[in-house]
C-alpha atoms as a PDB file:
ATOM      1  CA  MET A   1     -26.605   0.093  45.457  1.00  0.00           C
ATOM      2  CA  ARG A   2     -23.009  -0.479  46.516  1.00  0.00           C
ATOM      3  CA  GLN A   3     -21.249   2.361  47.772  1.00  0.00           C
ATOM      4  CA  VAL A   4     -17.807   3.077  46.792  1.00  0.00           C
ATOM      5  CA  PRO A   5     -15.530   6.215  46.681  1.00  0.00           C
ATOM      6  CA  GLU A   6     -15.773   8.918  44.008  1.00  0.00           C
ATOM      7  CA  TYR A   7     -14.843   7.939  40.335  1.00  0.00           C
ATOM      8  CA  LYS A   8     -14.207   4.239  41.538  1.00  0.00           C
ATOM      9  CA  ASN A   9     -17.349   3.185  39.348  1.00  0.00           C
ATOM     10  CA  ASN A  10     -16.185   5.226  36.427  1.00  0.00           C
ATOM     11  CA  ASP A  11     -12.603   3.319  36.440  1.00  0.00           C
ATOM     12  CA  ALA A  12     -14.077   0.018  37.091  1.00  0.00           C
ATOM     13  CA  ILE A  13     -16.837   0.122  34.318  1.00  0.00           C
ATOM     14  CA  ALA A  14     -14.377   1.472  31.777  1.00  0.00           C
ATOM     15  CA  CYS A  15     -12.005  -1.259  32.362  1.00  0.00           C
ATOM     16  CA  ILE A  16     -14.866  -3.923  32.167  1.00  0.00           C
ATOM     17  CA  PHE A  17     -15.790  -2.111  28.621  1.00  0.00           C
ATOM     18  CA  ARG A  18     -12.261  -2.165  27.551  1.00  0.00           C
ATOM     19  CA  GLN A  19     -12.008  -5.766  28.148  1.00  0.00           C
ATOM     20  CA  ILE A  20     -15.411  -6.629  26.339  1.00  0.00           C
ATOM     21  CA  ALA A  21     -13.976  -4.477  23.263  1.00  0.00           C
ATOM     22  CA  ARG A  22     -10.867  -6.837  23.368  1.00  0.00           C
ATOM     23  CA  CYS A  23     -12.887  -9.957  23.580  1.00  0.00           C
ATOM     24  CA  TYR A  24     -15.238  -8.948  20.398  1.00  0.00           C
ATOM     25  CA  ARG A  25     -11.906  -7.989  18.720  1.00  0.00           C
ATOM     26  CA  TYR A  26     -10.425 -11.363  19.278  1.00  0.00           C
ATOM     27  CA  LEU A  27     -13.665 -12.861  18.152  1.00  0.00           C
ATOM     28  CA  GLY A  28     -13.806 -10.953  14.961  1.00  0.00           C
ATOM     29  CA  GLY A  29     -16.572  -9.510  12.717  1.00  0.00           C
ATOM     30  CA  GLU A  30     -17.457  -7.290  15.624  1.00  0.00           C
ATOM     31  CA  GLY A  31     -16.131  -3.866  14.807  1.00  0.00           C
ATOM     32  CA  PHE A  32     -19.023  -1.659  15.624  1.00  0.00           C
ATOM     33  CA  ARG A  33     -19.066  -3.366  19.186  1.00  0.00           C
ATOM     34  CA  VAL A  34     -15.485  -2.846  19.738  1.00  0.00           C
ATOM     35  CA  ALA A  35     -15.825   0.791  18.643  1.00  0.00           C
ATOM     36  CA  ALA A  36     -19.018   1.358  20.838  1.00  0.00           C
ATOM     37  CA  TYR A  37     -17.332  -0.006  24.103  1.00  0.00           C
ATOM     38  CA  GLN A  38     -13.777   1.685  23.421  1.00  0.00           C
ATOM     39  CA  GLY A  39     -15.928   4.937  22.945  1.00  0.00           C
ATOM     40  CA  ALA A  40     -18.071   4.059  26.109  1.00  0.00           C
ATOM     41  CA  ALA A  41     -14.660   3.555  28.290  1.00  0.00           C
ATOM     42  CA  GLU A  42     -13.350   6.775  27.258  1.00  0.00           C
ATOM     43  CA  MET A  43     -16.203   8.799  28.015  1.00  0.00           C
ATOM     44  CA  LEU A  44     -16.293   7.209  31.453  1.00  0.00           C
ATOM     45  CA  LEU A  45     -12.589   8.119  31.886  1.00  0.00           C
ATOM     46  CA  ASN A  46     -12.907  11.571  31.198  1.00  0.00           C
ATOM     47  CA  MET A  47     -16.161  12.350  33.160  1.00  0.00           C
ATOM     48  CA  ARG A  48     -15.883  14.703  36.084  1.00  0.00           C
ATOM     49  CA  GLU A  49     -18.236  13.122  38.267  1.00  0.00           C
ATOM     50  CA  ASP A  50     -19.145   9.539  39.222  1.00  0.00           C
ATOM     51  CA  ILE A  51     -21.516   7.737  36.841  1.00  0.00           C
ATOM     52  CA  ALA A  52     -23.631   6.600  39.564  1.00  0.00           C
ATOM     53  CA  VAL A  53     -25.533  10.042  39.878  1.00  0.00           C
ATOM     54  CA  TYR A  54     -27.318   9.045  36.773  1.00  0.00           C
ATOM     55  CA  ALA A  55     -28.292   5.919  38.143  1.00  0.00           C
ATOM     56  CA  SER A  56     -31.561   7.122  39.240  1.00  0.00           C
ATOM     57  CA  ASP A  57     -32.526   8.539  35.827  1.00  0.00           C
ATOM     58  CA  ILE A  58     -32.033   6.158  33.031  1.00  0.00           C
ATOM     59  CA  LYS A  59     -33.021   8.643  30.348  1.00  0.00           C
ATOM     60  CA  ARG A  60     -30.116  10.979  31.320  1.00  0.00           C
ATOM     61  CA  LEU A  61     -27.793   8.072  31.253  1.00  0.00           C
ATOM     62  CA  GLU A  62     -29.020   6.922  27.842  1.00  0.00           C
ATOM     63  CA  ALA A  63     -28.479  10.485  26.638  1.00  0.00           C
ATOM     64  CA  LEU A  64     -24.728  10.666  27.783  1.00  0.00           C
ATOM     65  CA  ASP A  65     -22.359  10.457  24.550  1.00  0.00           C
ATOM     66  CA  HIS A  66     -21.423   6.796  23.566  1.00  0.00           C
ATOM     67  CA  ILE A  67     -23.980   5.133  26.077  1.00  0.00           C
ATOM     68  CA  GLY A  68     -27.359   4.707  24.540  1.00  0.00           C
ATOM     69  CA  GLU A  69     -29.824   2.112  25.787  1.00  0.00           C
ATOM     70  CA  ARG A  70     -28.040  -1.092  25.813  1.00  0.00           C
ATOM     71  CA  MET A  71     -24.868   0.714  27.419  1.00  0.00           C
ATOM     72  CA  ALA A  72     -27.067   2.387  30.171  1.00  0.00           C
ATOM     73  CA  MET A  73     -28.434  -1.030  31.117  1.00  0.00           C
ATOM     74  CA  LYS A  74     -25.133  -2.658  31.611  1.00  0.00           C
ATOM     75  CA  ILE A  75     -23.877   0.483  33.531  1.00  0.00           C
ATOM     76  CA  THR A  76     -27.010   0.438  35.693  1.00  0.00           C
ATOM     77  CA  GLU A  77     -26.223  -3.833  35.978  1.00  0.00           C
ATOM     78  CA  TYR A  78     -22.940  -3.038  37.248  1.00  0.00           C
ATOM     79  CA  LEU A  79     -24.044  -0.362  39.844  1.00  0.00           C
ATOM     80  CA  GLN A  80     -26.683  -2.732  41.164  1.00  0.00           C
ATOM     81  CA  THR A  81     -24.713  -6.269  41.007  1.00  0.00           C
ATOM     82  CA  GLY A  82     -20.917  -5.323  40.885  1.00  0.00           C
ATOM     83  CA  LYS A  83     -20.500  -7.329  37.471  1.00  0.00           C
ATOM     84  CA  ILE A  84     -21.646  -7.465  33.997  1.00  0.00           C
ATOM     85  CA  ALA A  85     -23.143 -10.659  32.807  1.00  0.00           C
ATOM     86  CA  VAL A  86     -21.859 -10.079  29.168  1.00  0.00           C
ATOM     87  CA  PHE A  87     -18.566  -9.894  29.953  1.00  0.00           C
ATOM     88  CA  SER A  88     -18.636 -13.138  32.284  1.00  0.00           C
ATOM     89  CA  HIS A  89     -19.960 -14.878  29.411  1.00  0.00           C
ATOM     90  CA  LEU A  90     -17.442 -13.689  26.819  1.00  0.00           C
ATOM     91  CA  LYS A  91     -14.515 -14.303  29.006  1.00  0.00           C
ATOM     92  CA  LYS A  92     -15.201 -18.243  28.558  1.00  0.00           C
ATOM     93  CA  GLN A  93     -15.222 -17.713  24.707  1.00  0.00           C
ATOM     94  CA  VAL A  94     -11.563 -16.500  24.667  1.00  0.00           C
ATOM     95  CA  PRO A  95      -8.071 -16.995  26.021  1.00  0.00           C
ATOM     96  CA  TYR A  96      -8.532 -14.152  28.373  1.00  0.00           C
ATOM     97  CA  GLY A  97      -4.913 -13.913  29.666  1.00  0.00           C
ATOM     98  CA  LEU A  98      -3.752 -13.605  25.997  1.00  0.00           C
ATOM     99  CA  LEU A  99      -5.831 -10.402  25.145  1.00  0.00           C
ATOM    100  CA  GLU A 100      -3.618  -7.794  26.652  1.00  0.00           C
ATOM    101  CA  LEU A 101      -1.020  -8.617  24.109  1.00  0.00           C
ATOM    102  CA  MET A 102      -3.138  -7.017  21.399  1.00  0.00           C
ATOM    103  CA  ASP A 103      -2.122  -3.791  22.549  1.00  0.00           C
ATOM    104  CA  ILE A 104       1.562  -4.758  21.128  1.00  0.00           C
ATOM    105  CA  SER A 105       2.287  -4.271  17.534  1.00  0.00           C
ATOM    106  CA  GLY A 106       2.730  -7.856  15.978  1.00  0.00           C
ATOM    107  CA  PHE A 107       0.049  -9.458  18.415  1.00  0.00           C
ATOM    108  CA  GLY A 108      -3.090  -9.021  16.243  1.00  0.00           C
ATOM    109  CA  PRO A 109      -6.190 -11.260  16.806  1.00  0.00           C
ATOM    110  CA  ALA A 110      -5.144 -13.363  13.901  1.00  0.00           C
ATOM    111  CA  THR A 111      -1.936 -14.531  15.759  1.00  0.00           C
ATOM    112  CA  LEU A 112      -3.670 -15.086  19.044  1.00  0.00           C
ATOM    113  CA  ARG A 113      -6.327 -17.235  17.497  1.00  0.00           C
ATOM    114  CA  ILE A 114      -3.376 -19.280  16.079  1.00  0.00           C
ATOM    115  CA  LEU A 115      -1.726 -19.518  19.488  1.00  0.00           C
ATOM    116  CA  TYR A 116      -4.942 -20.515  21.246  1.00  0.00           C
ATOM    117  CA  ASP A 117      -6.681 -22.839  18.737  1.00  0.00           C
ATOM    118  CA  ARG A 118      -3.589 -24.966  17.481  1.00  0.00           C
ATOM    119  CA  LEU A 119      -1.281 -24.831  20.795  1.00  0.00           C
ATOM    120  CA  GLY A 120      -3.816 -24.277  23.547  1.00  0.00           C
ATOM    121  CA  ILE A 121      -1.828 -21.448  24.920  1.00  0.00           C
ATOM    122  CA  LYS A 122      -4.061 -19.296  27.168  1.00  0.00           C
ATOM    123  CA  ASN A 123      -1.739 -16.420  29.054  1.00  0.00           C
ATOM    124  CA  GLU A 124       1.384 -14.769  28.480  1.00  0.00           C
ATOM    125  CA  ASP A 125       3.444 -17.145  30.675  1.00  0.00           C
ATOM    126  CA  GLU A 126       2.454 -20.077  28.416  1.00  0.00           C
ATOM    127  CA  LEU A 127       3.455 -18.252  25.633  1.00  0.00           C
ATOM    128  CA  VAL A 128       6.690 -17.489  26.882  1.00  0.00           C
ATOM    129  CA  GLU A 129       7.447 -20.978  28.024  1.00  0.00           C
ATOM    130  CA  ALA A 130       6.253 -22.230  24.458  1.00  0.00           C
ATOM    131  CA  LEU A 131       8.689 -19.875  22.865  1.00  0.00           C
ATOM    132  CA  ASN A 132      11.615 -21.364  24.853  1.00  0.00           C
ATOM    133  CA  ASP A 133      10.495 -24.802  24.135  1.00  0.00           C
ATOM    134  CA  HIS A 134      10.382 -23.913  20.323  1.00  0.00           C
ATOM    135  CA  ARG A 135       6.844 -25.212  20.212  1.00  0.00           C
ATOM    136  CA  LEU A 136       5.947 -22.101  17.662  1.00  0.00           C
ATOM    137  CA  ASP A 137       8.685 -23.534  15.208  1.00  0.00           C
ATOM    138  CA  GLY A 138       7.308 -24.537  11.878  1.00  0.00           C
ATOM    139  CA  VAL A 139       3.565 -23.599  12.925  1.00  0.00           C
ATOM    140  CA  LYS A 140       1.689 -22.588   9.757  1.00  0.00           C
ATOM    141  CA  GLY A 141       0.651 -18.814   9.821  1.00  0.00           C
ATOM    142  CA  ILE A 142       3.875 -17.948  12.119  1.00  0.00           C
ATOM    143  CA  GLY A 143       6.856 -17.595  10.461  1.00  0.00           C
ATOM    144  CA  LYS A 144      10.568 -17.487  11.630  1.00  0.00           C
ATOM    145  CA  ARG A 145      10.969 -13.793  12.015  1.00  0.00           C
ATOM    146  CA  ARG A 146       7.578 -13.555  13.527  1.00  0.00           C
ATOM    147  CA  VAL A 147       8.787 -15.972  16.363  1.00  0.00           C
ATOM    148  CA  GLU A 148      11.889 -14.011  16.950  1.00  0.00           C
ATOM    149  CA  ASN A 149      10.001 -10.798  17.290  1.00  0.00           C
ATOM    150  CA  MET A 150       7.712 -12.250  19.774  1.00  0.00           C
ATOM    151  CA  LYS A 151      10.684 -13.458  21.761  1.00  0.00           C
ATOM    152  CA  VAL A 152      12.179  -9.788  21.784  1.00  0.00           C
ATOM    153  CA  LEU A 153       8.734  -7.925  22.496  1.00  0.00           C
ATOM    154  CA  LEU A 154       7.732 -10.181  25.297  1.00  0.00           C
ATOM    155  CA  ALA A 155      11.537 -10.151  26.714  1.00  0.00           C
ATOM    156  CA  VAL A 156      11.032  -5.788  26.763  1.00  0.00           C
ATOM    157  CA  THR A 157       7.575  -5.451  27.505  1.00  0.00           C
ATOM    158  CA  ARG A 158       7.666  -6.604  31.014  1.00  0.00           C
ATOM    159  CA  ARG A 159       7.753  -3.987  33.302  1.00  0.00           C
ATOM    160  CA  GLY A 160      11.269  -3.066  34.490  1.00  0.00           C
ATOM    161  CA  GLN A 161      12.535  -2.693  38.283  1.00  0.00           C
ATOM    162  CA  PRO A 162      12.364   0.548  40.110  1.00  0.00           C
ATOM    163  CA  VAL A 163      15.110   3.145  39.266  1.00  0.00           C
ATOM    164  CA  SER A 164      17.078   5.717  41.376  1.00  0.00           C
ATOM    165  CA  LEU A 165      15.667   9.048  41.691  1.00  0.00           C
ATOM    166  CA  THR A 166      18.439  10.551  39.746  1.00  0.00           C
ATOM    167  CA  ASP A 167      17.936   8.474  36.634  1.00  0.00           C
ATOM    168  CA  ALA A 168      14.276   8.941  37.088  1.00  0.00           C
ATOM    169  CA  ARG A 169      14.429  12.579  37.370  1.00  0.00           C
ATOM    170  CA  ARG A 170      16.716  12.691  34.212  1.00  0.00           C
ATOM    171  CA  ILE A 171      14.255  10.465  32.100  1.00  0.00           C
ATOM    172  CA  GLY A 172      11.203  12.547  33.452  1.00  0.00           C
ATOM    173  CA  THR A 173      12.948  15.977  32.394  1.00  0.00           C
ATOM    174  CA  ALA A 174      13.874  14.771  29.096  1.00  0.00           C
ATOM    175  CA  LEU A 175       9.774  13.894  28.862  1.00  0.00           C
ATOM    176  CA  VAL A 176       8.808  17.053  29.935  1.00  0.00           C
ATOM    177  CA  GLY A 177      11.151  18.697  27.462  1.00  0.00           C
ATOM    178  CA  LEU A 178       9.627  16.558  24.608  1.00  0.00           C
ATOM    179  CA  LEU A 179       5.793  17.455  25.775  1.00  0.00           C
ATOM    180  CA  THR A 180       6.380  21.098  26.153  1.00  0.00           C
ATOM    181  CA  LYS A 181       7.319  21.353  22.507  1.00  0.00           C
ATOM    182  CA  ILE A 182       4.037  19.706  21.311  1.00  0.00           C
ATOM    183  CA  PRO A 183       1.631  22.216  19.998  1.00  0.00           C
ATOM    184  CA  GLY A 184      -1.048  22.987  22.438  1.00  0.00           C
ATOM    185  CA  VAL A 185       0.973  22.133  25.619  1.00  0.00           C
ATOM    186  CA  GLN A 186       1.099  24.823  28.088  1.00  0.00           C
ATOM    187  CA  ARG A 187       2.858  23.488  30.816  1.00  0.00           C
ATOM    188  CA  ALA A 188       4.207  19.987  31.798  1.00  0.00           C
ATOM    189  CA  GLU A 189       5.724  19.110  35.443  1.00  0.00           C
ATOM    190  CA  LEU A 190       6.946  15.784  37.071  1.00  0.00           C
ATOM    191  CA  CYS A 191       4.734  14.884  39.929  1.00  0.00           C
ATOM    192  CA  GLY A 192       4.688  11.526  41.830  1.00  0.00           C
ATOM    193  CA  SER A 193       7.344   9.761  43.507  1.00  0.00           C
ATOM    194  CA  ILE A 194      10.146  12.161  41.795  1.00  0.00           C
ATOM    195  CA  ARG A 195       8.097  15.236  43.223  1.00  0.00           C
ATOM    196  CA  ARG A 196       8.294  13.492  46.468  1.00  0.00           C
ATOM    197  CA  LYS A 197      11.765  12.781  46.268  1.00  0.00           C
ATOM    198  CA  LYS A 198      11.458   8.897  46.844  1.00  0.00           C
ATOM    199  CA  PRO A 199      14.732   7.191  46.590  1.00  0.00           C
ATOM    200  CA  LEU A 200      13.519   4.829  44.438  1.00  0.00           C
ATOM    201  CA  VAL A 201      10.702   5.379  41.630  1.00  0.00           C
ATOM    202  CA  GLY A 202       8.501   3.001  40.098  1.00  0.00           C
ATOM    203  CA  ASP A 203       6.555   4.911  37.302  1.00  0.00           C
ATOM    204  CA  ILE A 204       7.049   8.574  36.034  1.00  0.00           C
ATOM    205  CA  ASP A 205       3.979  10.862  36.551  1.00  0.00           C
ATOM    206  CA  ILE A 206       3.617  13.898  34.311  1.00  0.00           C
ATOM    207  CA  LEU A 207       0.811  16.918  34.875  1.00  0.00           C
ATOM    208  CA  VAL A 208       0.231  18.535  31.451  1.00  0.00           C
ATOM    209  CA  LEU A 209      -1.768  21.719  31.190  1.00  0.00           C
ATOM    210  CA  ALA A 210      -3.563  22.240  27.722  1.00  0.00           C
ATOM    211  CA  GLU A 211      -7.037  23.312  26.545  1.00  0.00           C
ATOM    212  CA  PRO A 212      -9.492  20.436  25.905  1.00  0.00           C
ATOM    213  CA  GLU A 213      -9.597  20.873  22.050  1.00  0.00           C
ATOM    214  CA  ALA A 214      -5.860  20.164  21.829  1.00  0.00           C
ATOM    215  CA  ARG A 215      -5.655  17.311  24.192  1.00  0.00           C
ATOM    216  CA  ARG A 216      -6.224  14.477  21.748  1.00  0.00           C
ATOM    217  CA  ALA A 217      -3.570  15.602  19.246  1.00  0.00           C
ATOM    218  CA  ILE A 218      -1.255  16.009  22.030  1.00  0.00           C
ATOM    219  CA  VAL A 219      -1.962  12.360  23.532  1.00  0.00           C
ATOM    220  CA  GLN A 220      -1.363  11.037  19.938  1.00  0.00           C
ATOM    221  CA  THR A 221       1.554  12.820  19.270  1.00  0.00           C
ATOM    222  CA  PHE A 222       3.115  11.641  22.602  1.00  0.00           C
ATOM    223  CA  ILE A 223       2.075   7.935  22.250  1.00  0.00           C
ATOM    224  CA  ALA A 224       3.930   7.942  18.822  1.00  0.00           C
ATOM    225  CA  SER A 225       7.154   8.910  19.997  1.00  0.00           C
ATOM    226  CA  ARG A 226      10.113   6.724  19.069  1.00  0.00           C
ATOM    227  CA  HIS A 227      10.835   6.425  23.061  1.00  0.00           C
ATOM    228  CA  VAL A 228       7.449   4.695  23.480  1.00  0.00           C
ATOM    229  CA  LEU A 229       7.729   1.016  23.496  1.00  0.00           C
ATOM    230  CA  ARG A 230       3.816  -0.092  24.536  1.00  0.00           C
ATOM    231  CA  VAL A 231       0.704   1.869  24.813  1.00  0.00           C
ATOM    232  CA  LEU A 232      -0.995   0.761  27.928  1.00  0.00           C
ATOM    233  CA  VAL A 233      -4.184   3.561  27.894  1.00  0.00           C
ATOM    234  CA  SER A 234      -4.762   6.031  25.685  1.00  0.00           C
ATOM    235  CA  GLY A 235      -7.647   8.620  26.056  1.00  0.00           C
ATOM    236  CA  VAL A 236      -8.518  12.392  25.453  1.00  0.00           C
ATOM    237  CA  ASN A 237      -7.262  13.590  28.891  1.00  0.00           C
ATOM    238  CA  LYS A 238      -4.871  10.829  29.986  1.00  0.00           C
ATOM    239  CA  ALA A 239      -2.348   8.244  28.546  1.00  0.00           C
ATOM    240  CA  SER A 240      -0.178   5.136  30.014  1.00  0.00           C
ATOM    241  CA  VAL A 241       2.856   4.276  28.330  1.00  0.00           C
ATOM    242  CA  LEU A 242       6.114   1.879  28.812  1.00  0.00           C
ATOM    243  CA  LEU A 243       9.239   3.292  27.823  1.00  0.00           C
ATOM    244  CA  ARG A 244      12.093   1.814  25.523  1.00  0.00           C
ATOM    245  CA  CYS A 245      14.506   3.226  28.361  1.00  0.00           C
ATOM    246  CA  ARG A 246      14.477   0.939  31.401  1.00  0.00           C
ATOM    247  CA  HIS A 247      10.703  -0.217  30.895  1.00  0.00           C
ATOM    248  CA  ILE A 248       9.591   2.493  32.958  1.00  0.00           C
ATOM    249  CA  GLN A 249       5.710   3.220  32.938  1.00  0.00           C
ATOM    250  CA  VAL A 250       4.885   6.816  32.391  1.00  0.00           C
ATOM    251  CA  ASP A 251       1.544   8.262  33.090  1.00  0.00           C
ATOM    252  CA  ILE A 252       0.531  11.730  31.867  1.00  0.00           C
ATOM    253  CA  ARG A 253      -2.902  13.546  32.673  1.00  0.00           C
ATOM    254  CA  LEU A 254      -4.096  16.638  30.844  1.00  0.00           C
ATOM    255  CA  MET A 255      -5.934  19.214  32.701  1.00  0.00           C
ATOM    256  CA  HIS A 256      -6.968  23.049  32.606  1.00  0.00           C
ATOM    257  CA  SER A 257      -4.843  25.844  34.309  1.00  0.00           C
ATOM    258  CA  ARG A 258      -7.855  26.345  36.777  1.00  0.00           C
ATOM    259  CA  GLU A 259      -7.429  22.791  38.223  1.00  0.00           C
ATOM    260  CA  TYR A 260      -3.755  22.851  38.383  1.00  0.00           C
ATOM    261  CA  GLY A 261      -3.374  23.094  41.946  1.00  0.00           C
ATOM    262  CA  ALA A 262      -5.624  20.241  42.342  1.00  0.00           C
ATOM    263  CA  ALA A 263      -4.298  17.970  39.919  1.00  0.00           C
ATOM    264  CA  LEU A 264      -0.695  18.431  41.150  1.00  0.00           C
ATOM    265  CA  LEU A 265      -1.657  17.552  44.553  1.00  0.00           C
ATOM    266  CA  TYR A 266      -3.587  14.605  43.537  1.00  0.00           C
ATOM    267  CA  MET A 267      -0.801  13.196  40.983  1.00  0.00           C
ATOM    268  CA  THR A 268       1.948  13.979  43.451  1.00  0.00           C
ATOM    269  CA  GLY A 269       0.444  11.645  46.310  1.00  0.00           C
ATOM    270  CA  SER A 270       1.153  10.069  48.335  1.00  0.00           C
ATOM    271  CA  ARG A 271      -2.204   8.149  48.214  1.00  0.00           C
ATOM    272  CA  GLY A 272      -2.553   7.893  52.078  1.00  0.00           C
ATOM    273  CA  HIS A 273      -1.888  11.667  52.015  1.00  0.00           C
ATOM    274  CA  THR A 274      -4.472  12.637  49.612  1.00  0.00           C
ATOM    275  CA  VAL A 275      -6.962   9.984  51.185  1.00  0.00           C
ATOM    276  CA  HIS A 276      -6.454  11.727  54.693  1.00  0.00           C
ATOM    277  CA  LEU A 277      -7.147  14.966  52.802  1.00  0.00           C
ATOM    278  CA  ARG A 278     -10.321  13.765  51.275  1.00  0.00           C
ATOM    279  CA  MET A 279     -12.000  12.500  54.519  1.00  0.00           C
ATOM    280  CA  ILE A 280     -10.972  16.173  56.070  1.00  0.00           C
ATOM    281  CA  ALA A 281     -12.793  17.496  53.031  1.00  0.00           C
ATOM    282  CA  LYS A 282     -16.049  15.290  53.767  1.00  0.00           C
ATOM    283  CA  GLU A 283     -16.017  16.148  57.362  1.00  0.00           C
ATOM    284  CA  LYS A 284     -16.247  20.093  55.997  1.00  0.00           C
ATOM    285  CA  GLY A 285     -19.006  19.367  53.804  1.00  0.00           C
ATOM    286  CA  TYR A 286     -16.811  19.414  50.740  1.00  0.00           C
ATOM    287  CA  MET A 287     -15.642  16.873  47.931  1.00  0.00           C
ATOM    288  CA  MET A 288     -12.209  16.754  46.888  1.00  0.00           C
ATOM    289  CA  ASN A 289     -10.903  15.453  43.641  1.00  0.00           C
ATOM    290  CA  GLU A 290      -8.106  16.093  41.178  1.00  0.00           C
ATOM    291  CA  TYR A 291     -10.531  19.015  39.723  1.00  0.00           C
ATOM    292  CA  GLY A 292     -10.684  20.718  42.853  1.00  0.00           C
ATOM    293  CA  LEU A 293     -12.351  21.221  46.257  1.00  0.00           C
ATOM    294  CA  PHE A 294     -16.322  21.801  45.738  1.00  0.00           C
ATOM    295  CA  GLU A 295     -19.083  22.475  48.476  1.00  0.00           C
ATOM    296  CA  ARG A 296     -20.724  19.047  48.250  1.00  0.00           C
ATOM    297  CA  ALA A 297     -24.461  20.616  48.543  1.00  0.00           C
ATOM    298  CA  THR A 298     -24.162  23.045  46.168  1.00  0.00           C
ATOM    299  CA  HIS A 299     -20.842  22.067  43.938  1.00  0.00           C
ATOM    300  CA  ARG A 300     -19.619  25.341  44.063  1.00  0.00           C
ATOM    301  CA  LYS A 301     -16.005  25.453  43.718  1.00  0.00           C
ATOM    302  CA  ILE A 302     -14.122  26.472  46.581  1.00  0.00           C
ATOM    303  CA  ALA A 303     -10.324  25.987  45.463  1.00  0.00           C
ATOM    304  CA  GLY A 304      -8.148  24.356  42.958  1.00  0.00           C
ATOM    305  CA  SER A 305      -5.851  26.541  40.996  1.00  0.00           C
ATOM    306  CA  THR A 306      -2.695  26.314  43.310  1.00  0.00           C
ATOM    307  CA  GLU A 307      -1.911  23.758  46.069  1.00  0.00           C
ATOM    308  CA  LYS A 308      -1.633  26.186  48.759  1.00  0.00           C
ATOM    309  CA  GLU A 309      -5.199  27.362  48.042  1.00  0.00           C
ATOM    310  CA  MET A 310      -6.241  23.697  48.393  1.00  0.00           C
ATOM    311  CA  TYR A 311      -4.577  23.305  51.752  1.00  0.00           C
ATOM    312  CA  ARG A 312      -5.766  26.786  53.079  1.00  0.00           C
ATOM    313  CA  ALA A 313      -9.291  25.945  52.342  1.00  0.00           C
ATOM    314  CA  LEU A 314      -8.918  22.705  54.160  1.00  0.00           C
ATOM    315  CA  GLY A 315      -7.578  24.678  57.262  1.00  0.00           C
ATOM    316  CA  LEU A 316      -3.825  23.406  56.715  1.00  0.00           C
ATOM    317  CA  LYS A 317      -0.584  24.955  56.449  1.00  0.00           C
ATOM    318  CA  TYR A 318       1.245  24.094  53.042  1.00  0.00           C
ATOM    319  CA  ILE A 319       2.876  20.882  53.045  1.00  0.00           C
ATOM    320  CA  PRO A 320       6.008  20.293  51.054  1.00  0.00           C
ATOM    321  CA  PRO A 321       5.636  17.120  48.783  1.00  0.00           C
ATOM    322  CA  GLU A 322       8.724  15.250  50.413  1.00  0.00           C
ATOM    323  CA  LEU A 323       6.576  15.377  53.662  1.00  0.00           C
ATOM    324  CA  ARG A 324       3.328  13.922  52.083  1.00  0.00           C
ATOM    325  CA  LEU A 325       3.795  10.563  53.752  1.00  0.00           C
ATOM    326  CA  ASN A 326       0.505  10.412  55.764  1.00  0.00           C
ATOM    327  CA  ASN A 327       2.716   9.983  58.905  1.00  0.00           C
ATOM    328  CA  GLY A 328       1.639  12.801  61.178  1.00  0.00           C
ATOM    329  CA  GLU A 329       2.398  15.886  58.569  1.00  0.00           C
ATOM    330  CA  ILE A 330      -1.226  16.745  58.269  1.00  0.00           C
ATOM    331  CA  GLU A 331      -1.949  16.899  62.003  1.00  0.00           C
ATOM    332  CA  SER A 332       1.225  19.114  62.387  1.00  0.00           C
ATOM    333  CA  ALA A 333      -0.098  21.363  59.523  1.00  0.00           C
ATOM    334  CA  GLY A 334      -3.328  22.023  61.226  1.00  0.00           C
ATOM    335  CA  LEU A 335      -1.895  22.525  64.626  1.00  0.00           C
ATOM    336  CA  SER A 336       0.835  24.961  63.080  1.00  0.00           C
ATOM    337  CA  ARG A 337      -1.875  27.052  61.284  1.00  0.00           C
ATOM    338  CA  ALA A 338      -4.211  27.160  64.369  1.00  0.00           C
ATOM    339  CA  MET A 339      -1.225  28.500  66.347  1.00  0.00           C
ATOM    340  CA  HIS A 340      -0.279  31.377  63.682  1.00  0.00           C
ATOM    341  CA  MET A 341      -3.638  32.229  63.688  1.00  0.00           C
END
């Protein structure tokens, strides 16, 4: 069986399941299958362990929410081969490059079928070219107003350029204010590049603390905001959206207060820094993720409520966010703590 980092299997399989759901949605008449694959994808993304731990016990796998016998077989197929045959088959039946547009209001399956069946348009770039060449003008089922709406939507949904730290912090602070007004939100904090004070920011990451029972309503309220142009991902514990303002991507993650430090460390990055920390954790017999630091053998939680607790459990001094570059700061923190002791 393929060896991959923790949770990578969950993300990969969830992505495939969502694409399968899109394929069935495009083909039509498969509402049950669409809901089944979307439910399974959401379950995978919200798991606290890699789905591969269930691979040796098919009955336990089938017993998970939204899985069942057929979905379990597809998960096992991916874990053994790295692919799912039904997905490869479905991609040949649809204009795969167009399917992501179904997440945009106004680009439903019926519209995409017209674009593909009548004009042979197979992806977003070909659609933009057809719009610029006026090839959609007069096509039955696509009126003049819809053509103009397509032009506007495609022009603004393409992700914008990185923004300055000042602008990103201003936008992010406004979003934190919006989130903290939603019932059930205990706290919201900017993470990622903003917290690391990078001069240019590509997207905005926000950590939200909330009890599990309140999270679905929080996510739905957030993605329904007038500031959101396009929903990229929506689950119980996370959401990714594209803003109308500067077309910036915003990622929010909902966690429990006891996981705050681990989640803040994970969402702040940099990626190189957190990967290095995970390597140290592994060497010490631990497993580190966004939920905390755990003993690998017993799964007993070692740390997670604060960042300082996480660093201390790894034998390191606390490292400020702006220094987390994986450029020698971890080695210095270990040496400094050893000298202090």
